[in-house]
Amino acid sequence: MKKSLILIVALMASAPVLAEESPSISIKRLTLESATRVAQGAIDACREKGIQIGATVVDRNGIVQVAMRDTLAPTITLDISKGKAYAAANFSVNSSLLVDRANTAIGRAPGLIMSAGAVVIEAGGSFYGAVGVSGAPSGKTDEECAAAGAQSVIEDLEMSM
């Protein structure tokens, strides 16, 4: 009997522990200050290239958190940067990876702009949203400026984990 009891206790101790599933989840979000730094960082990166742009930062759901337009950037840059950021956030990839889908049914969905110029904002395994840029002569340059904007907060986000 004593051996049976020891065996049962040993089996129970070695059995995998099932974690209780939480009834809620925790979602990371950028502060207004961080989102503003991202947009300003993108504008500053394009200014260094002599380009005036619009930059839009969206949260993980594609909802605008910050939109900025440089002094001489055309007003349309805001709508385009928003559409690029919205697409990147909803598909969780840089918008340049969506270009092949632009001429499909999903690519024509309202609000989506599937062309290069937006990057996702991720740090420490958490997805925060995206930043879209419009106004440079090419989507590649838009995306470089967007990446510079996102990079301006990555270290702080990773340190806060």
C-alpha atoms as a PDB file:
ATOM      1  CA  MET A   1       0.000   0.000   0.000  1.00  0.00           C
ATOM      2  CA  LYS A   2       2.817   2.400   0.875  1.00  0.00           C
ATOM      3  CA  LYS A   3       4.498   1.704  -2.492  1.00  0.00           C
ATOM      4  CA  SER A   4       1.222   2.396  -4.312  1.00  0.00           C
ATOM      5  CA  LEU A   5       0.809   5.701  -2.521  1.00  0.00           C
ATOM      6  CA  ILE A   6       4.378   6.732  -3.378  1.00  0.00           C
ATOM      7  CA  LEU A   7       3.795   5.765  -7.031  1.00  0.00           C
ATOM      8  CA  ILE A   8       0.560   7.797  -7.216  1.00  0.00           C
ATOM      9  CA  VAL A   9       2.234  10.859  -5.683  1.00  0.00           C
ATOM     10  CA  ALA A  10       5.180  10.519  -8.084  1.00  0.00           C
ATOM     11  CA  LEU A  11       2.856  10.269 -11.101  1.00  0.00           C
ATOM     12  CA  MET A  12       0.851  13.285  -9.986  1.00  0.00           C
ATOM     13  CA  ALA A  13       4.004  15.327  -9.480  1.00  0.00           C
ATOM     14  CA  SER A  14       5.319  14.453 -12.932  1.00  0.00           C
ATOM     15  CA  ALA A  15       2.002  15.030 -14.770  1.00  0.00           C
ATOM     16  CA  PRO A  16       1.890  18.184 -16.911  1.00  0.00           C
ATOM     17  CA  VAL A  17       0.288  21.113 -15.197  1.00  0.00           C
ATOM     18  CA  LEU A  18      -2.525  22.584 -17.245  1.00  0.00           C
ATOM     19  CA  ALA A  19      -2.611  26.350 -17.049  1.00  0.00           C
ATOM     20  CA  GLU A  20      -5.973  27.886 -16.445  1.00  0.00           C
ATOM     21  CA  GLU A  21      -7.066  29.831 -19.497  1.00  0.00           C
ATOM     22  CA  SER A  22      -7.455  33.521 -18.762  1.00  0.00           C
ATOM     23  CA  PRO A  23     -10.834  35.092 -19.548  1.00  0.00           C
ATOM     24  CA  SER A  24      -9.107  38.204 -20.908  1.00  0.00           C
ATOM     25  CA  ILE A  25      -6.051  39.236 -22.883  1.00  0.00           C
ATOM     26  CA  SER A  26      -3.644  42.098 -22.488  1.00  0.00           C
ATOM     27  CA  ILE A  27      -2.981  44.267 -25.532  1.00  0.00           C
ATOM     28  CA  LYS A  28       0.036  46.549 -25.855  1.00  0.00           C
ATOM     29  CA  ARG A  29      -0.582  50.010 -27.297  1.00  0.00           C
ATOM     30  CA  LEU A  30       1.607  52.957 -28.160  1.00  0.00           C
ATOM     31  CA  THR A  31       1.204  56.049 -26.044  1.00  0.00           C
ATOM     32  CA  LEU A  32       0.307  59.251 -27.836  1.00  0.00           C
ATOM     33  CA  GLU A  33       3.855  60.453 -27.221  1.00  0.00           C
ATOM     34  CA  SER A  34       5.358  57.321 -28.804  1.00  0.00           C
ATOM     35  CA  ALA A  35       3.030  57.466 -31.807  1.00  0.00           C
ATOM     36  CA  THR A  36       3.943  61.145 -32.276  1.00  0.00           C
ATOM     37  CA  ARG A  37       7.661  60.262 -32.149  1.00  0.00           C
ATOM     38  CA  VAL A  38       7.103  57.658 -34.880  1.00  0.00           C
ATOM     39  CA  ALA A  39       5.340  60.111 -37.196  1.00  0.00           C
ATOM     40  CA  GLN A  40       7.872  62.873 -36.537  1.00  0.00           C
ATOM     41  CA  GLY A  41      10.743  60.407 -37.027  1.00  0.00           C
ATOM     42  CA  ALA A  42       9.370  59.481 -40.456  1.00  0.00           C
ATOM     43  CA  ILE A  43       9.000  63.139 -41.423  1.00  0.00           C
ATOM     44  CA  ASP A  44      12.520  63.927 -40.211  1.00  0.00           C
ATOM     45  CA  ALA A  45      13.988  60.999 -42.188  1.00  0.00           C
ATOM     46  CA  CYS A  46      12.358  62.209 -45.391  1.00  0.00           C
ATOM     47  CA  ARG A  47      13.351  65.836 -44.706  1.00  0.00           C
ATOM     48  CA  GLU A  48      16.980  64.672 -44.636  1.00  0.00           C
ATOM     49  CA  LYS A  49      16.388  63.477 -48.213  1.00  0.00           C
ATOM     50  CA  GLY A  50      14.797  66.812 -49.142  1.00  0.00           C
ATOM     51  CA  ILE A  51      11.286  65.329 -49.313  1.00  0.00           C
ATOM     52  CA  GLN A  52       8.093  66.617 -47.705  1.00  0.00           C
ATOM     53  CA  ILE A  53       5.671  63.831 -46.712  1.00  0.00           C
ATOM     54  CA  GLY A  54       2.582  62.909 -44.763  1.00  0.00           C
ATOM     55  CA  ALA A  55       2.851  60.209 -42.087  1.00  0.00           C
ATOM     56  CA  THR A  56       0.087  58.322 -40.312  1.00  0.00           C
ATOM     57  CA  VAL A  57       0.452  56.015 -37.309  1.00  0.00           C
ATOM     58  CA  VAL A  58      -2.364  53.515 -36.705  1.00  0.00           C
ATOM     59  CA  ASP A  59      -2.943  51.100 -33.850  1.00  0.00           C
ATOM     60  CA  ARG A  60      -3.137  47.319 -34.301  1.00  0.00           C
ATOM     61  CA  ASN A  61      -6.740  47.692 -35.551  1.00  0.00           C
ATOM     62  CA  GLY A  62      -5.828  50.264 -38.172  1.00  0.00           C
ATOM     63  CA  ILE A  63      -7.364  53.174 -36.273  1.00  0.00           C
ATOM     64  CA  VAL A  64      -5.485  56.441 -36.681  1.00  0.00           C
ATOM     65  CA  GLN A  65      -3.571  57.510 -33.616  1.00  0.00           C
ATOM     66  CA  VAL A  66      -1.433  60.294 -35.142  1.00  0.00           C
ATOM     67  CA  ALA A  67      -1.411  61.938 -38.573  1.00  0.00           C
ATOM     68  CA  MET A  68       1.132  64.590 -39.537  1.00  0.00           C
ATOM     69  CA  ARG A  69       1.813  66.419 -42.794  1.00  0.00           C
ATOM     70  CA  ASP A  70       4.982  68.373 -43.420  1.00  0.00           C
ATOM     71  CA  THR A  71       4.561  72.024 -44.364  1.00  0.00           C
ATOM     72  CA  LEU A  72       4.707  71.669 -48.150  1.00  0.00           C
ATOM     73  CA  ALA A  73       3.473  68.078 -48.535  1.00  0.00           C
ATOM     74  CA  PRO A  74       0.315  67.776 -50.623  1.00  0.00           C
ATOM     75  CA  THR A  75      -2.853  67.185 -48.592  1.00  0.00           C
ATOM     76  CA  ILE A  76      -3.464  63.881 -50.378  1.00  0.00           C
ATOM     77  CA  THR A  77      -0.401  62.434 -48.619  1.00  0.00           C
ATOM     78  CA  LEU A  78      -2.484  62.045 -45.461  1.00  0.00           C
ATOM     79  CA  ASP A  79      -5.151  59.880 -47.125  1.00  0.00           C
ATOM     80  CA  ILE A  80      -2.531  57.763 -48.876  1.00  0.00           C
ATOM     81  CA  SER A  81      -0.337  57.317 -45.800  1.00  0.00           C
ATOM     82  CA  LYS A  82      -3.431  56.309 -43.810  1.00  0.00           C
ATOM     83  CA  GLY A  83      -4.430  53.708 -46.417  1.00  0.00           C
ATOM     84  CA  LYS A  84      -0.945  52.220 -46.469  1.00  0.00           C
ATOM     85  CA  ALA A  85      -0.750  52.066 -42.663  1.00  0.00           C
ATOM     86  CA  TYR A  86      -4.270  50.585 -42.481  1.00  0.00           C
ATOM     87  CA  ALA A  87      -3.315  47.812 -44.911  1.00  0.00           C
ATOM     88  CA  ALA A  88      -0.064  47.037 -43.076  1.00  0.00           C
ATOM     89  CA  ALA A  89      -1.814  46.881 -39.696  1.00  0.00           C
ATOM     90  CA  ASN A  90      -4.669  44.695 -40.905  1.00  0.00           C
ATOM     91  CA  PHE A  91      -2.389  42.187 -42.603  1.00  0.00           C
ATOM     92  CA  SER A  92       0.441  42.528 -40.023  1.00  0.00           C
ATOM     93  CA  VAL A  93       3.094  42.972 -42.724  1.00  0.00           C
ATOM     94  CA  ASN A  94       4.913  45.850 -44.384  1.00  0.00           C
ATOM     95  CA  SER A  95       2.755  47.183 -47.187  1.00  0.00           C
ATOM     96  CA  SER A  96       5.405  46.424 -49.817  1.00  0.00           C
ATOM     97  CA  LEU A  97       4.578  42.737 -49.265  1.00  0.00           C
ATOM     98  CA  LEU A  98       0.974  43.407 -50.307  1.00  0.00           C
ATOM     99  CA  VAL A  99       1.648  44.936 -53.733  1.00  0.00           C
ATOM    100  CA  ASP A 100       0.814  41.688 -55.568  1.00  0.00           C
ATOM    101  CA  ARG A 101      -2.630  41.671 -53.943  1.00  0.00           C
ATOM    102  CA  ALA A 102      -3.493  45.270 -54.855  1.00  0.00           C
ATOM    103  CA  ASN A 103      -5.419  44.328 -58.000  1.00  0.00           C
ATOM    104  CA  THR A 104      -7.582  41.678 -56.320  1.00  0.00           C
ATOM    105  CA  ALA A 105     -10.971  41.895 -54.643  1.00  0.00           C
ATOM    106  CA  ILE A 106      -9.377  42.335 -51.222  1.00  0.00           C
ATOM    107  CA  GLY A 107      -6.967  44.916 -52.623  1.00  0.00           C
ATOM    108  CA  ARG A 108      -9.899  47.042 -53.714  1.00  0.00           C
ATOM    109  CA  ALA A 109     -11.535  47.033 -50.260  1.00  0.00           C
ATOM    110  CA  PRO A 110     -12.281  50.568 -49.058  1.00  0.00           C
ATOM    111  CA  GLY A 111      -9.466  52.195 -47.123  1.00  0.00           C
ATOM    112  CA  LEU A 112      -6.713  49.748 -48.115  1.00  0.00           C
ATOM    113  CA  ILE A 113      -3.757  50.956 -50.145  1.00  0.00           C
ATOM    114  CA  MET A 114      -1.510  48.033 -50.957  1.00  0.00           C
ATOM    115  CA  SER A 115       1.629  49.749 -52.141  1.00  0.00           C
ATOM    116  CA  ALA A 116       5.042  50.209 -50.580  1.00  0.00           C
ATOM    117  CA  GLY A 117       5.324  52.851 -47.902  1.00  0.00           C
ATOM    118  CA  ALA A 118       4.153  51.408 -44.575  1.00  0.00           C
ATOM    119  CA  VAL A 119       5.880  49.284 -41.966  1.00  0.00           C
ATOM    120  CA  VAL A 120       4.546  47.442 -38.961  1.00  0.00           C
ATOM    121  CA  ILE A 121       5.583  48.505 -35.478  1.00  0.00           C
ATOM    122  CA  GLU A 122       6.652  45.429 -33.526  1.00  0.00           C
ATOM    123  CA  ALA A 123       8.887  45.021 -30.503  1.00  0.00           C
ATOM    124  CA  GLY A 124       9.564  42.232 -28.058  1.00  0.00           C
ATOM    125  CA  GLY A 125       7.074  39.930 -29.737  1.00  0.00           C
ATOM    126  CA  SER A 126       4.220  42.446 -29.464  1.00  0.00           C
ATOM    127  CA  PHE A 127       2.425  44.029 -32.405  1.00  0.00           C
ATOM    128  CA  TYR A 128       1.597  47.705 -31.884  1.00  0.00           C
ATOM    129  CA  GLY A 129       0.340  48.887 -35.269  1.00  0.00           C
ATOM    130  CA  ALA A 130       1.879  50.483 -38.345  1.00  0.00           C
ATOM    131  CA  VAL A 131       3.169  53.733 -39.786  1.00  0.00           C
ATOM    132  CA  GLY A 132       2.439  54.758 -43.357  1.00  0.00           C
ATOM    133  CA  VAL A 133       4.206  57.412 -45.403  1.00  0.00           C
ATOM    134  CA  SER A 134       3.297  59.140 -48.660  1.00  0.00           C
ATOM    135  CA  GLY A 135       4.902  61.906 -50.664  1.00  0.00           C
ATOM    136  CA  ALA A 136       8.304  60.576 -51.705  1.00  0.00           C
ATOM    137  CA  PRO A 137       9.021  59.906 -55.377  1.00  0.00           C
ATOM    138  CA  SER A 138       8.828  56.140 -54.751  1.00  0.00           C
ATOM    139  CA  GLY A 139       7.183  53.711 -52.368  1.00  0.00           C
ATOM    140  CA  LYS A 140      10.631  52.388 -51.527  1.00  0.00           C
ATOM    141  CA  THR A 141      11.647  55.802 -50.171  1.00  0.00           C
ATOM    142  CA  ASP A 142       8.309  56.157 -48.360  1.00  0.00           C
ATOM    143  CA  GLU A 143       8.984  52.812 -46.683  1.00  0.00           C
ATOM    144  CA  GLU A 144      12.547  53.796 -45.714  1.00  0.00           C
ATOM    145  CA  CYS A 145      11.188  56.893 -43.970  1.00  0.00           C
ATOM    146  CA  ALA A 146       8.416  54.880 -42.296  1.00  0.00           C
ATOM    147  CA  ALA A 147      11.000  52.373 -41.042  1.00  0.00           C
ATOM    148  CA  ALA A 148      13.103  55.208 -39.602  1.00  0.00           C
ATOM    149  CA  GLY A 149      10.038  56.515 -37.787  1.00  0.00           C
ATOM    150  CA  ALA A 150       9.206  53.106 -36.335  1.00  0.00           C
ATOM    151  CA  GLN A 151      12.819  52.571 -35.316  1.00  0.00           C
ATOM    152  CA  SER A 152      12.703  55.737 -33.203  1.00  0.00           C
ATOM    153  CA  VAL A 153      10.623  53.929 -30.532  1.00  0.00           C
ATOM    154  CA  ILE A 154      11.674  50.269 -30.873  1.00  0.00           C
ATOM    155  CA  GLU A 155      14.432  50.392 -28.252  1.00  0.00           C
ATOM    156  CA  ASP A 156      12.139  52.058 -25.702  1.00  0.00           C
ATOM    157  CA  LEU A 157       9.387  49.518 -26.398  1.00  0.00           C
ATOM    158  CA  GLU A 158      11.769  46.607 -25.981  1.00  0.00           C
ATOM    159  CA  MET A 159      13.201  48.045 -22.760  1.00  0.00           C
ATOM    160  CA  SER A 160       9.707  48.415 -21.308  1.00  0.00           C
ATOM    161  CA  MET A 161       8.930  44.716 -21.633  1.00  0.00           C
END
